[in-house]
Amino acid sequence: MAGAPTVLIAGASGVFGRRLARELLVATGATLVLAGRRIGPLEEAARELDPARCLPLALDLRDPGALEAAARGTFAVACTAGPSQDLDPALPDAAIRAGAHWLDIADSTGWVQAILRNRTLSGRAAAVGLVVAPGLSTLPCLAMVLARALREESPHARTARALLFIGNRNRKGVASVATGLLSAAGAPVRVETPVGHRPAWRFGSPLPAILREELGLEAEFRVAFELPAGFRLARASRPLGRLFGSEGLPRLFALLSRPIAGLGSDEGRISVEVEDASGVRAAASFTGRGQRMPVLPLAVVLAGLLSGEIRERGVLRCWNGFSPGEWTRRLRDRGLERGGIP
């Protein structure tokens, strides 16, 4: 489409990349560059989505110079590739040198915190009128939106608990499986979920540190699966990672889990609960279906950049870019359900 902005989606052939592409095709007039290592799946994705607006491109993110060259002339790079802890930290700077905003759905502590604290990168981006926005996914973004709303209702809250529930029919990409295998820790605790009580494991996440820094809340984060037996099997198989390599084990597990992939629900939910010193609690949640929830924060922020509503530049904590109420309105318009406090 002549004159339309162009958005490069890195990791576009994956579960989240395709989902984000669908969202952007509906919500924006942008042309999409579908980028990834293997051209075949990208060509298939372009045909499936909209061949008139989707251009496949072979791109290896292990080479920041290749990203810089590919991003020239684009409005933004939207990174859905992962695991994010394996991404080259030079990638956001490469996008900035190319004249493009950088947005990602990363949820690993090292990646998100390193970018948020990078004042040099922030200064370079601001100097050329660009944005670097990490963590635009369920975590930490949506959890922080909920925590900010709860903080307004419960100003004396001291602690927070965040829980991510993943329905079994939500497709989980290799990157997500790898992150789970690597970051789950400790013994599970039983928690209430949309399908009854389930075990929930403590996972590594930037969320507790951000809650402490921004809202003064001591927090923990856990993940519960609709069918936890599969995750227990995967965790027990982690020693095999030495034989299969960092990518081989998640791919093997994804293959073995296909027979039960159609069971259960396609629901996903992020909930946050805060508590004050006297034990008074308040809770709120966002619920979505079909793996839309993890990519909607990025879609919302990108739309805000395209429209000019987001004016701040540099490295941004974009969960603060709109009020909790405005975030909720925009997410509801895109199909998420809000539970808990009004």
C-alpha atoms as a PDB file:
ATOM      1  CA  MET A   1       0.000   0.000   0.000  1.00  0.00           C
ATOM      2  CA  ALA A   2       1.654   3.196  -1.188  1.00  0.00           C
ATOM      3  CA  GLY A   3       2.538   5.602   1.597  1.00  0.00           C
ATOM      4  CA  ALA A   4       1.582   3.210   4.386  1.00  0.00           C
ATOM      5  CA  PRO A   5       4.056   2.779   7.258  1.00  0.00           C
ATOM      6  CA  THR A   6       6.013  -0.461   7.354  1.00  0.00           C
ATOM      7  CA  VAL A   7       6.458  -2.625  10.454  1.00  0.00           C
ATOM      8  CA  LEU A   8       9.065  -5.380  10.550  1.00  0.00           C
ATOM      9  CA  ILE A   9       7.963  -8.329  12.693  1.00  0.00           C
ATOM     10  CA  ALA A  10      10.958 -10.369  13.827  1.00  0.00           C
ATOM     11  CA  GLY A  11      10.034 -13.982  14.559  1.00  0.00           C
ATOM     12  CA  ALA A  12       7.000 -13.650  12.317  1.00  0.00           C
ATOM     13  CA  SER A  13       6.564 -17.352  11.523  1.00  0.00           C
ATOM     14  CA  GLY A  14       6.176 -18.281  15.198  1.00  0.00           C
ATOM     15  CA  VAL A  15       2.994 -18.507  17.259  1.00  0.00           C
ATOM     16  CA  PHE A  16       3.191 -14.961  18.583  1.00  0.00           C
ATOM     17  CA  GLY A  17       4.568 -13.432  15.397  1.00  0.00           C
ATOM     18  CA  ARG A  18       1.615 -14.643  13.336  1.00  0.00           C
ATOM     19  CA  ARG A  19      -0.816 -13.579  16.031  1.00  0.00           C
ATOM     20  CA  LEU A  20       0.665 -10.078  16.131  1.00  0.00           C
ATOM     21  CA  ALA A  21       0.569  -9.850  12.340  1.00  0.00           C
ATOM     22  CA  ARG A  22      -3.160 -10.624  12.380  1.00  0.00           C
ATOM     23  CA  GLU A  23      -3.764  -7.927  14.972  1.00  0.00           C
ATOM     24  CA  LEU A  24      -1.840  -5.300  13.026  1.00  0.00           C
ATOM     25  CA  LEU A  25      -3.509  -6.148   9.733  1.00  0.00           C
ATOM     26  CA  VAL A  26      -6.905  -5.501  11.324  1.00  0.00           C
ATOM     27  CA  ALA A  27      -6.021  -2.507  13.516  1.00  0.00           C
ATOM     28  CA  THR A  28      -3.573  -0.561  11.311  1.00  0.00           C
ATOM     29  CA  GLY A  29      -2.959   0.202   7.666  1.00  0.00           C
ATOM     30  CA  ALA A  30       0.675  -0.845   7.926  1.00  0.00           C
ATOM     31  CA  THR A  31       2.557  -3.014   5.488  1.00  0.00           C
ATOM     32  CA  LEU A  32       4.225  -5.891   7.337  1.00  0.00           C
ATOM     33  CA  VAL A  33       7.661  -7.366   6.735  1.00  0.00           C
ATOM     34  CA  LEU A  34       7.498 -10.921   8.071  1.00  0.00           C
ATOM     35  CA  ALA A  35      11.068 -11.715   9.098  1.00  0.00           C
ATOM     36  CA  GLY A  36      12.711 -14.855  10.416  1.00  0.00           C
ATOM     37  CA  ARG A  37      15.479 -17.360   9.748  1.00  0.00           C
ATOM     38  CA  ARG A  38      13.657 -19.638   7.280  1.00  0.00           C
ATOM     39  CA  ILE A  39      11.988 -18.140   4.225  1.00  0.00           C
ATOM     40  CA  GLY A  40       9.597 -21.060   3.585  1.00  0.00           C
ATOM     41  CA  PRO A  41       7.398 -20.617   6.689  1.00  0.00           C
ATOM     42  CA  LEU A  42       7.436 -16.838   6.148  1.00  0.00           C
ATOM     43  CA  GLU A  43       6.178 -17.192   2.583  1.00  0.00           C
ATOM     44  CA  GLU A  44       3.452 -19.516   3.857  1.00  0.00           C
ATOM     45  CA  ALA A  45       2.498 -17.001   6.554  1.00  0.00           C
ATOM     46  CA  ALA A  46       2.345 -14.147   4.037  1.00  0.00           C
ATOM     47  CA  ARG A  47       0.016 -16.146   1.760  1.00  0.00           C
ATOM     48  CA  GLU A  48      -2.179 -17.094   4.709  1.00  0.00           C
ATOM     49  CA  LEU A  49      -2.395 -13.597   6.222  1.00  0.00           C
ATOM     50  CA  ASP A  50      -2.529 -11.119   3.310  1.00  0.00           C
ATOM     51  CA  PRO A  51      -0.057 -11.380   0.414  1.00  0.00           C
ATOM     52  CA  ALA A  52      -0.852  -7.799  -0.625  1.00  0.00           C
ATOM     53  CA  ARG A  53       0.358  -6.381   2.693  1.00  0.00           C
ATOM     54  CA  CYS A  54       2.861  -8.988   3.947  1.00  0.00           C
ATOM     55  CA  LEU A  55       6.394  -9.290   2.604  1.00  0.00           C
ATOM     56  CA  PRO A  56       8.487 -12.323   3.682  1.00  0.00           C
ATOM     57  CA  LEU A  57      12.161 -11.692   4.510  1.00  0.00           C
ATOM     58  CA  ALA A  58      14.903 -14.087   5.615  1.00  0.00           C
ATOM     59  CA  LEU A  59      16.659 -12.466   8.591  1.00  0.00           C
ATOM     60  CA  ASP A  60      18.976 -13.853  11.254  1.00  0.00           C
ATOM     61  CA  LEU A  61      18.744 -11.841  14.468  1.00  0.00           C
ATOM     62  CA  ARG A  62      22.110 -13.177  15.533  1.00  0.00           C
ATOM     63  CA  ASP A  63      23.484 -10.488  13.206  1.00  0.00           C
ATOM     64  CA  PRO A  64      22.470  -6.996  14.430  1.00  0.00           C
ATOM     65  CA  GLY A  65      23.926  -5.523  11.252  1.00  0.00           C
ATOM     66  CA  ALA A  66      21.465  -7.545   9.191  1.00  0.00           C
ATOM     67  CA  LEU A  67      18.594  -6.204  11.302  1.00  0.00           C
ATOM     68  CA  GLU A  68      19.851  -2.643  10.849  1.00  0.00           C
ATOM     69  CA  ALA A  69      19.898  -3.073   7.080  1.00  0.00           C
ATOM     70  CA  ALA A  70      16.446  -4.711   7.021  1.00  0.00           C
ATOM     71  CA  ALA A  71      14.889  -2.064   9.289  1.00  0.00           C
ATOM     72  CA  ARG A  72      15.932   0.961   7.213  1.00  0.00           C
ATOM     73  CA  GLY A  73      12.836   2.715   5.946  1.00  0.00           C
ATOM     74  CA  THR A  74      10.501   0.956   8.400  1.00  0.00           C
ATOM     75  CA  PHE A  75       8.465   2.652  11.104  1.00  0.00           C
ATOM     76  CA  ALA A  76       9.160   0.058  13.786  1.00  0.00           C
ATOM     77  CA  VAL A  77      10.673  -3.312  14.565  1.00  0.00           C
ATOM     78  CA  ALA A  78       8.272  -5.507  16.555  1.00  0.00           C
ATOM     79  CA  CYS A  79      10.221  -8.420  17.995  1.00  0.00           C
ATOM     80  CA  THR A  80       8.343 -11.600  18.889  1.00  0.00           C
ATOM     81  CA  ALA A  81      11.396 -13.865  18.576  1.00  0.00           C
ATOM     82  CA  GLY A  82      12.771 -15.763  21.528  1.00  0.00           C
ATOM     83  CA  PRO A  83      13.763 -17.008  23.953  1.00  0.00           C
ATOM     84  CA  SER A  84      14.456 -13.362  24.776  1.00  0.00           C
ATOM     85  CA  GLN A  85      17.336 -14.247  27.091  1.00  0.00           C
ATOM     86  CA  ASP A  86      19.177 -15.480  23.988  1.00  0.00           C
ATOM     87  CA  LEU A  87      18.661 -12.326  21.902  1.00  0.00           C
ATOM     88  CA  ASP A  88      21.654 -10.117  21.098  1.00  0.00           C
ATOM     89  CA  PRO A  89      21.506  -7.019  23.378  1.00  0.00           C
ATOM     90  CA  ALA A  90      22.722  -4.913  20.433  1.00  0.00           C
ATOM     91  CA  LEU A  91      19.446  -5.395  18.525  1.00  0.00           C
ATOM     92  CA  PRO A  92      17.497  -2.379  19.904  1.00  0.00           C
ATOM     93  CA  ASP A  93      20.446  -0.107  19.124  1.00  0.00           C
ATOM     94  CA  ALA A  94      20.574  -1.539  15.599  1.00  0.00           C
ATOM     95  CA  ALA A  95      16.911  -0.630  15.094  1.00  0.00           C
ATOM     96  CA  ILE A  96      17.555   2.900  16.371  1.00  0.00           C
ATOM     97  CA  ARG A  97      20.499   3.340  13.979  1.00  0.00           C
ATOM     98  CA  ALA A  98      18.151   2.271  11.167  1.00  0.00           C
ATOM     99  CA  GLY A  99      15.647   4.960  12.187  1.00  0.00           C
ATOM    100  CA  ALA A 100      12.993   2.549  13.536  1.00  0.00           C
ATOM    101  CA  HIS A 101      11.258   2.218  16.897  1.00  0.00           C
ATOM    102  CA  TRP A 102      11.995  -1.018  18.787  1.00  0.00           C
ATOM    103  CA  LEU A 103       9.179  -2.866  20.580  1.00  0.00           C
ATOM    104  CA  ASP A 104       9.275  -6.419  21.946  1.00  0.00           C
ATOM    105  CA  ILE A 105       7.207  -8.955  23.879  1.00  0.00           C
ATOM    106  CA  ALA A 106      10.159 -10.196  25.935  1.00  0.00           C
ATOM    107  CA  ASP A 107       9.496 -11.367  29.482  1.00  0.00           C
ATOM    108  CA  SER A 108      12.935 -12.469  30.702  1.00  0.00           C
ATOM    109  CA  THR A 109      14.431 -10.544  33.611  1.00  0.00           C
ATOM    110  CA  GLY A 110      17.867 -10.029  32.096  1.00  0.00           C
ATOM    111  CA  TRP A 111      16.579  -8.658  28.807  1.00  0.00           C
ATOM    112  CA  VAL A 112      13.834  -6.354  30.098  1.00  0.00           C
ATOM    113  CA  GLN A 113      15.745  -4.947  33.064  1.00  0.00           C
ATOM    114  CA  ALA A 114      18.922  -4.380  31.059  1.00  0.00           C
ATOM    115  CA  ILE A 115      17.027  -2.282  28.508  1.00  0.00           C
ATOM    116  CA  LEU A 116      14.992  -0.347  31.078  1.00  0.00           C
ATOM    117  CA  ARG A 117      18.179   0.634  32.894  1.00  0.00           C
ATOM    118  CA  ASN A 118      20.188   1.506  29.778  1.00  0.00           C
ATOM    119  CA  ARG A 119      20.412   5.301  29.962  1.00  0.00           C
ATOM    120  CA  THR A 120      22.842   5.472  27.063  1.00  0.00           C
ATOM    121  CA  LEU A 121      20.418   3.675  24.760  1.00  0.00           C
ATOM    122  CA  SER A 122      17.560   5.829  26.039  1.00  0.00           C
ATOM    123  CA  GLY A 123      19.480   9.003  25.269  1.00  0.00           C
ATOM    124  CA  ARG A 124      20.379   7.849  21.756  1.00  0.00           C
ATOM    125  CA  ALA A 125      16.773   6.906  20.998  1.00  0.00           C
ATOM    126  CA  ALA A 126      15.359  10.160  22.384  1.00  0.00           C
ATOM    127  CA  ALA A 127      17.902  12.221  20.426  1.00  0.00           C
ATOM    128  CA  VAL A 128      16.535  10.891  17.130  1.00  0.00           C
ATOM    129  CA  GLY A 129      12.872  10.866  18.189  1.00  0.00           C
ATOM    130  CA  LEU A 130      12.485   7.109  18.648  1.00  0.00           C
ATOM    131  CA  VAL A 131      11.146   4.709  21.261  1.00  0.00           C
ATOM    132  CA  VAL A 132      12.586   1.519  22.731  1.00  0.00           C
ATOM    133  CA  ALA A 133       9.860  -0.388  24.590  1.00  0.00           C
ATOM    134  CA  PRO A 134      10.608  -3.843  26.061  1.00  0.00           C
ATOM    135  CA  GLY A 135       8.224  -6.171  27.869  1.00  0.00           C
ATOM    136  CA  LEU A 136       5.071  -5.366  25.876  1.00  0.00           C
ATOM    137  CA  SER A 137       3.340  -8.642  26.664  1.00  0.00           C
ATOM    138  CA  THR A 138       1.337 -10.243  29.438  1.00  0.00           C
ATOM    139  CA  LEU A 139       4.443  -9.834  31.571  1.00  0.00           C
ATOM    140  CA  PRO A 140       5.426  -7.372  32.701  1.00  0.00           C
ATOM    141  CA  CYS A 141       3.075  -4.999  30.848  1.00  0.00           C
ATOM    142  CA  LEU A 142      -0.448  -6.286  31.580  1.00  0.00           C
ATOM    143  CA  ALA A 143       0.469  -7.283  35.128  1.00  0.00           C
ATOM    144  CA  MET A 144       1.791  -3.764  35.735  1.00  0.00           C
ATOM    145  CA  VAL A 145      -1.410  -2.212  34.365  1.00  0.00           C
ATOM    146  CA  LEU A 146      -3.393  -4.292  36.881  1.00  0.00           C
ATOM    147  CA  ALA A 147      -0.980  -3.513  39.720  1.00  0.00           C
ATOM    148  CA  ARG A 148      -1.209   0.232  39.039  1.00  0.00           C
ATOM    149  CA  ALA A 149      -5.018   0.052  39.140  1.00  0.00           C
ATOM    150  CA  LEU A 150      -4.924  -1.924  42.401  1.00  0.00           C
ATOM    151  CA  ARG A 151      -2.439   0.524  43.906  1.00  0.00           C
ATOM    152  CA  GLU A 152      -4.892   3.344  43.264  1.00  0.00           C
ATOM    153  CA  GLU A 153      -7.607   1.389  45.097  1.00  0.00           C
ATOM    154  CA  SER A 154      -5.313   0.105  47.878  1.00  0.00           C
ATOM    155  CA  PRO A 155      -2.654   2.771  48.509  1.00  0.00           C
ATOM    156  CA  HIS A 156      -1.410   1.010  51.668  1.00  0.00           C
ATOM    157  CA  ALA A 157      -0.795  -2.356  50.003  1.00  0.00           C
ATOM    158  CA  ARG A 158       2.578  -3.886  50.814  1.00  0.00           C
ATOM    159  CA  THR A 159       2.687  -7.183  48.922  1.00  0.00           C
ATOM    160  CA  ALA A 160       1.527  -8.492  45.559  1.00  0.00           C
ATOM    161  CA  ARG A 161       0.979 -11.906  44.006  1.00  0.00           C
ATOM    162  CA  ALA A 162       0.750 -12.360  40.255  1.00  0.00           C
ATOM    163  CA  LEU A 163      -0.541 -15.542  38.628  1.00  0.00           C
ATOM    164  CA  LEU A 164      -0.520 -16.469  34.953  1.00  0.00           C
ATOM    165  CA  PHE A 165      -2.924 -19.243  33.934  1.00  0.00           C
ATOM    166  CA  ILE A 166      -2.318 -20.972  30.578  1.00  0.00           C
ATOM    167  CA  GLY A 167      -5.063 -23.074  29.017  1.00  0.00           C
ATOM    168  CA  ASN A 168      -3.854 -26.263  27.363  1.00  0.00           C
ATOM    169  CA  ARG A 169      -5.258 -25.402  23.919  1.00  0.00           C
ATOM    170  CA  ASN A 170      -3.245 -22.179  23.786  1.00  0.00           C
ATOM    171  CA  ARG A 171      -0.436 -23.006  21.383  1.00  0.00           C
ATOM    172  CA  LYS A 172       2.899 -22.666  23.090  1.00  0.00           C
ATOM    173  CA  GLY A 173       5.846 -21.947  20.825  1.00  0.00           C
ATOM    174  CA  VAL A 174       9.290 -23.448  21.267  1.00  0.00           C
ATOM    175  CA  ALA A 175      10.564 -20.219  22.806  1.00  0.00           C
ATOM    176  CA  SER A 176       7.848 -20.313  25.480  1.00  0.00           C
ATOM    177  CA  VAL A 177       8.560 -23.946  26.301  1.00  0.00           C
ATOM    178  CA  ALA A 178      12.259 -23.198  26.584  1.00  0.00           C
ATOM    179  CA  THR A 179      11.643 -20.255  28.897  1.00  0.00           C
ATOM    180  CA  GLY A 180       9.446 -22.430  31.094  1.00  0.00           C
ATOM    181  CA  LEU A 181      11.944 -25.241  31.281  1.00  0.00           C
ATOM    182  CA  LEU A 182      14.737 -22.868  32.210  1.00  0.00           C
ATOM    183  CA  SER A 183      13.058 -20.540  34.688  1.00  0.00           C
ATOM    184  CA  ALA A 184      10.589 -22.632  36.731  1.00  0.00           C
ATOM    185  CA  ALA A 185      11.825 -23.027  40.306  1.00  0.00           C
ATOM    186  CA  GLY A 186      10.843 -24.560  43.622  1.00  0.00           C
ATOM    187  CA  ALA A 187       7.874 -26.633  44.680  1.00  0.00           C
ATOM    188  CA  PRO A 188       4.421 -25.684  43.352  1.00  0.00           C
ATOM    189  CA  VAL A 189       1.565 -24.378  45.505  1.00  0.00           C
ATOM    190  CA  ARG A 190      -2.142 -25.011  44.872  1.00  0.00           C
ATOM    191  CA  VAL A 191      -4.001 -21.981  43.538  1.00  0.00           C
ATOM    192  CA  GLU A 192      -7.479 -21.232  42.225  1.00  0.00           C
ATOM    193  CA  THR A 193      -7.693 -20.991  38.410  1.00  0.00           C
ATOM    194  CA  PRO A 194     -10.578 -20.672  35.909  1.00  0.00           C
ATOM    195  CA  VAL A 195     -10.717 -24.507  35.756  1.00  0.00           C
ATOM    196  CA  GLY A 196     -10.346 -25.240  39.483  1.00  0.00           C
ATOM    197  CA  HIS A 197      -7.340 -25.654  41.751  1.00  0.00           C
ATOM    198  CA  ARG A 198      -4.028 -26.296  40.018  1.00  0.00           C
ATOM    199  CA  PRO A 199      -0.360 -26.336  41.060  1.00  0.00           C
ATOM    200  CA  ALA A 200       1.477 -23.099  40.303  1.00  0.00           C
ATOM    201  CA  TRP A 201       5.240 -22.837  39.933  1.00  0.00           C
ATOM    202  CA  ARG A 202       7.363 -19.812  40.702  1.00  0.00           C
ATOM    203  CA  PHE A 203       8.870 -18.504  37.464  1.00  0.00           C
ATOM    204  CA  GLY A 204      11.640 -16.069  36.727  1.00  0.00           C
ATOM    205  CA  SER A 205      10.217 -12.711  35.620  1.00  0.00           C
ATOM    206  CA  PRO A 206      11.139  -9.022  35.669  1.00  0.00           C
ATOM    207  CA  LEU A 207       7.770  -8.302  37.293  1.00  0.00           C
ATOM    208  CA  PRO A 208       8.757  -8.568  41.010  1.00  0.00           C
ATOM    209  CA  ALA A 209      11.676  -6.163  40.573  1.00  0.00           C
ATOM    210  CA  ILE A 210       9.562  -3.661  38.626  1.00  0.00           C
ATOM    211  CA  LEU A 211       6.774  -3.833  41.215  1.00  0.00           C
ATOM    212  CA  ARG A 212       9.307  -3.127  43.933  1.00  0.00           C
ATOM    213  CA  GLU A 213      10.927  -0.240  42.037  1.00  0.00           C
ATOM    214  CA  GLU A 214       7.765   1.472  40.792  1.00  0.00           C
ATOM    215  CA  LEU A 215       5.099   0.689  43.390  1.00  0.00           C
ATOM    216  CA  GLY A 216       7.040  -0.362  46.493  1.00  0.00           C
ATOM    217  CA  LEU A 217       5.413  -3.813  46.530  1.00  0.00           C
ATOM    218  CA  GLU A 218       7.160  -7.039  47.486  1.00  0.00           C
ATOM    219  CA  ALA A 219       5.870  -9.609  45.041  1.00  0.00           C
ATOM    220  CA  GLU A 220       6.034 -13.128  43.717  1.00  0.00           C
ATOM    221  CA  PHE A 221       5.027 -14.480  40.324  1.00  0.00           C
ATOM    222  CA  ARG A 222       3.732 -17.967  39.531  1.00  0.00           C
ATOM    223  CA  VAL A 223       2.401 -19.857  36.522  1.00  0.00           C
ATOM    224  CA  ALA A 224      -0.364 -22.480  36.538  1.00  0.00           C
ATOM    225  CA  PHE A 225      -1.122 -24.839  33.640  1.00  0.00           C
ATOM    226  CA  GLU A 226      -4.517 -26.333  32.879  1.00  0.00           C
ATOM    227  CA  LEU A 227      -2.925 -29.771  32.411  1.00  0.00           C
ATOM    228  CA  PRO A 228       0.118 -29.647  34.713  1.00  0.00           C
ATOM    229  CA  ALA A 229       1.224 -33.240  34.099  1.00  0.00           C
ATOM    230  CA  GLY A 230       2.840 -32.275  30.806  1.00  0.00           C
ATOM    231  CA  PHE A 231       4.855 -29.529  32.424  1.00  0.00           C
ATOM    232  CA  ARG A 232       5.940 -31.859  35.224  1.00  0.00           C
ATOM    233  CA  LEU A 233       7.198 -34.269  32.556  1.00  0.00           C
ATOM    234  CA  ALA A 234       9.069 -31.506  30.802  1.00  0.00           C
ATOM    235  CA  ARG A 235      10.740 -30.365  34.010  1.00  0.00           C
ATOM    236  CA  ALA A 236      11.764 -33.917  34.823  1.00  0.00           C
ATOM    237  CA  SER A 237      13.335 -34.165  31.361  1.00  0.00           C
ATOM    238  CA  ARG A 238      15.546 -31.091  31.753  1.00  0.00           C
ATOM    239  CA  PRO A 239      18.752 -33.137  32.260  1.00  0.00           C
ATOM    240  CA  LEU A 240      18.280 -34.414  28.701  1.00  0.00           C
ATOM    241  CA  GLY A 241      18.991 -30.877  27.564  1.00  0.00           C
ATOM    242  CA  ARG A 242      22.700 -31.710  27.600  1.00  0.00           C
ATOM    243  CA  LEU A 243      22.031 -34.246  24.847  1.00  0.00           C
ATOM    244  CA  PHE A 244      19.539 -32.305  22.735  1.00  0.00           C
ATOM    245  CA  GLY A 245      20.948 -28.795  23.170  1.00  0.00           C
ATOM    246  CA  SER A 246      19.226 -25.576  24.215  1.00  0.00           C
ATOM    247  CA  GLU A 247      16.663 -25.742  21.377  1.00  0.00           C
ATOM    248  CA  GLY A 248      16.393 -29.503  20.920  1.00  0.00           C
ATOM    249  CA  LEU A 249      14.681 -30.379  24.186  1.00  0.00           C
ATOM    250  CA  PRO A 250      11.862 -27.812  23.864  1.00  0.00           C
ATOM    251  CA  ARG A 251      11.260 -28.936  20.281  1.00  0.00           C
ATOM    252  CA  LEU A 252      11.166 -32.576  21.368  1.00  0.00           C
ATOM    253  CA  PHE A 253       8.731 -31.762  24.166  1.00  0.00           C
ATOM    254  CA  ALA A 254       6.527 -29.752  21.796  1.00  0.00           C
ATOM    255  CA  LEU A 255       6.410 -32.770  19.479  1.00  0.00           C
ATOM    256  CA  LEU A 256       5.599 -35.239  22.271  1.00  0.00           C
ATOM    257  CA  SER A 257       2.855 -32.983  23.636  1.00  0.00           C
ATOM    258  CA  ARG A 258       0.907 -32.825  20.359  1.00  0.00           C
ATOM    259  CA  PRO A 259      -1.431 -35.737  21.239  1.00  0.00           C
ATOM    260  CA  ILE A 260      -2.944 -33.727  24.123  1.00  0.00           C
ATOM    261  CA  ALA A 261      -2.771 -30.321  22.392  1.00  0.00           C
ATOM    262  CA  GLY A 262      -6.500 -30.348  21.615  1.00  0.00           C
ATOM    263  CA  LEU A 263      -7.623 -30.966  25.190  1.00  0.00           C
ATOM    264  CA  GLY A 264      -8.844 -28.316  27.604  1.00  0.00           C
ATOM    265  CA  SER A 265      -9.447 -24.612  26.984  1.00  0.00           C
ATOM    266  CA  ASP A 266      -7.772 -21.859  24.984  1.00  0.00           C
ATOM    267  CA  GLU A 267      -8.097 -19.370  27.849  1.00  0.00           C
ATOM    268  CA  GLY A 268      -5.258 -17.334  29.267  1.00  0.00           C
ATOM    269  CA  ARG A 269      -5.476 -15.139  32.366  1.00  0.00           C
ATOM    270  CA  ILE A 270      -3.163 -12.803  34.234  1.00  0.00           C
ATOM    271  CA  SER A 271      -4.314 -11.904  37.736  1.00  0.00           C
ATOM    272  CA  VAL A 272      -2.747  -9.692  40.387  1.00  0.00           C
ATOM    273  CA  GLU A 273      -3.657  -9.530  44.058  1.00  0.00           C
ATOM    274  CA  VAL A 274      -2.353  -6.974  46.555  1.00  0.00           C
ATOM    275  CA  GLU A 275      -2.565  -7.057  50.341  1.00  0.00           C
ATOM    276  CA  ASP A 276      -1.987  -4.465  53.065  1.00  0.00           C
ATOM    277  CA  ALA A 277      -0.590  -4.960  56.566  1.00  0.00           C
ATOM    278  CA  SER A 278      -4.025  -5.676  58.039  1.00  0.00           C
ATOM    279  CA  GLY A 279      -4.708  -8.470  55.524  1.00  0.00           C
ATOM    280  CA  VAL A 280      -7.149  -6.542  53.320  1.00  0.00           C
ATOM    281  CA  ARG A 281      -6.857  -7.761  49.741  1.00  0.00           C
ATOM    282  CA  ALA A 282      -7.848  -6.490  46.318  1.00  0.00           C
ATOM    283  CA  ALA A 283      -7.533  -8.348  43.029  1.00  0.00           C
ATOM    284  CA  ALA A 284      -7.945  -7.761  39.294  1.00  0.00           C
ATOM    285  CA  SER A 285      -7.385  -9.751  36.101  1.00  0.00           C
ATOM    286  CA  PHE A 286      -7.318  -9.745  32.325  1.00  0.00           C
ATOM    287  CA  THR A 287      -8.600 -12.786  30.413  1.00  0.00           C
ATOM    288  CA  GLY A 288      -8.185 -13.596  26.739  1.00  0.00           C
ATOM    289  CA  ARG A 289      -8.405 -16.530  24.359  1.00  0.00           C
ATOM    290  CA  GLY A 290      -6.300 -18.044  21.634  1.00  0.00           C
ATOM    291  CA  GLN A 291      -2.932 -16.480  22.511  1.00  0.00           C
ATOM    292  CA  ARG A 292      -4.084 -12.939  21.695  1.00  0.00           C
ATOM    293  CA  MET A 293      -3.306 -11.595  25.150  1.00  0.00           C
ATOM    294  CA  PRO A 294       0.514 -11.795  24.913  1.00  0.00           C
ATOM    295  CA  VAL A 295       0.680  -9.607  21.778  1.00  0.00           C
ATOM    296  CA  LEU A 296      -2.058  -7.050  22.474  1.00  0.00           C
ATOM    297  CA  PRO A 297       0.084  -4.692  24.612  1.00  0.00           C
ATOM    298  CA  LEU A 298       2.552  -4.323  21.742  1.00  0.00           C
ATOM    299  CA  ALA A 299      -0.317  -3.753  19.298  1.00  0.00           C
ATOM    300  CA  VAL A 300      -1.765  -1.049  21.579  1.00  0.00           C
ATOM    301  CA  VAL A 301       1.551   0.780  21.951  1.00  0.00           C
ATOM    302  CA  LEU A 302       2.345   0.551  18.242  1.00  0.00           C
ATOM    303  CA  ALA A 303      -1.067   2.027  17.444  1.00  0.00           C
ATOM    304  CA  GLY A 304      -0.325   4.830  19.909  1.00  0.00           C
ATOM    305  CA  LEU A 305       2.973   5.577  18.174  1.00  0.00           C
ATOM    306  CA  LEU A 306       1.379   5.503  14.723  1.00  0.00           C
ATOM    307  CA  SER A 307      -1.364   7.911  15.826  1.00  0.00           C
ATOM    308  CA  GLY A 308       1.045  10.240  17.641  1.00  0.00           C
ATOM    309  CA  GLU A 309      -0.685   9.744  21.008  1.00  0.00           C
ATOM    310  CA  ILE A 310       2.528   8.468  22.589  1.00  0.00           C
ATOM    311  CA  ARG A 311       4.882  11.440  22.485  1.00  0.00           C
ATOM    312  CA  GLU A 312       7.575  10.523  24.997  1.00  0.00           C
ATOM    313  CA  ARG A 313      10.800   9.215  23.506  1.00  0.00           C
ATOM    314  CA  GLY A 314      13.711   7.072  24.655  1.00  0.00           C
ATOM    315  CA  VAL A 315      13.485   3.813  26.604  1.00  0.00           C
ATOM    316  CA  LEU A 316       9.906   3.670  27.905  1.00  0.00           C
ATOM    317  CA  ARG A 317       8.007   1.724  30.523  1.00  0.00           C
ATOM    318  CA  CYS A 318       4.953   1.758  28.314  1.00  0.00           C
ATOM    319  CA  TRP A 319       2.573   0.352  30.943  1.00  0.00           C
ATOM    320  CA  ASN A 320       2.748   3.919  32.307  1.00  0.00           C
ATOM    321  CA  GLY A 321       1.997   5.479  28.913  1.00  0.00           C
ATOM    322  CA  PHE A 322      -1.767   5.370  29.459  1.00  0.00           C
ATOM    323  CA  SER A 323      -3.797   5.404  32.665  1.00  0.00           C
ATOM    324  CA  PRO A 324      -4.979   1.977  33.898  1.00  0.00           C
ATOM    325  CA  GLY A 325      -8.505   2.950  32.848  1.00  0.00           C
ATOM    326  CA  GLU A 326      -7.394   3.881  29.335  1.00  0.00           C
ATOM    327  CA  TRP A 327      -5.358   0.690  29.021  1.00  0.00           C
ATOM    328  CA  THR A 328      -8.437  -1.284  30.047  1.00  0.00           C
ATOM    329  CA  ARG A 329     -10.620   0.478  27.481  1.00  0.00           C
ATOM    330  CA  ARG A 330      -8.182  -0.210  24.661  1.00  0.00           C
ATOM    331  CA  LEU A 331      -7.728  -3.843  25.666  1.00  0.00           C
ATOM    332  CA  ARG A 332     -11.473  -4.388  25.994  1.00  0.00           C
ATOM    333  CA  ASP A 333     -11.893  -2.959  22.482  1.00  0.00           C
ATOM    334  CA  ARG A 334      -9.525  -5.733  21.374  1.00  0.00           C
ATOM    335  CA  GLY A 335     -11.433  -8.503  23.137  1.00  0.00           C
ATOM    336  CA  LEU A 336      -9.857  -8.875  26.579  1.00  0.00           C
ATOM    337  CA  GLU A 337     -12.109  -9.228  29.623  1.00  0.00           C
ATOM    338  CA  ARG A 338     -11.326  -7.272  32.787  1.00  0.00           C
ATOM    339  CA  GLY A 339     -12.222  -8.805  36.147  1.00  0.00           C
ATOM    340  CA  GLY A 340     -11.925  -7.591  39.726  1.00  0.00           C
ATOM    341  CA  ILE A 341     -11.942  -3.906  40.611  1.00  0.00           C
ATOM    342  CA  PRO A 342     -13.919  -1.592  38.286  1.00  0.00           C
END
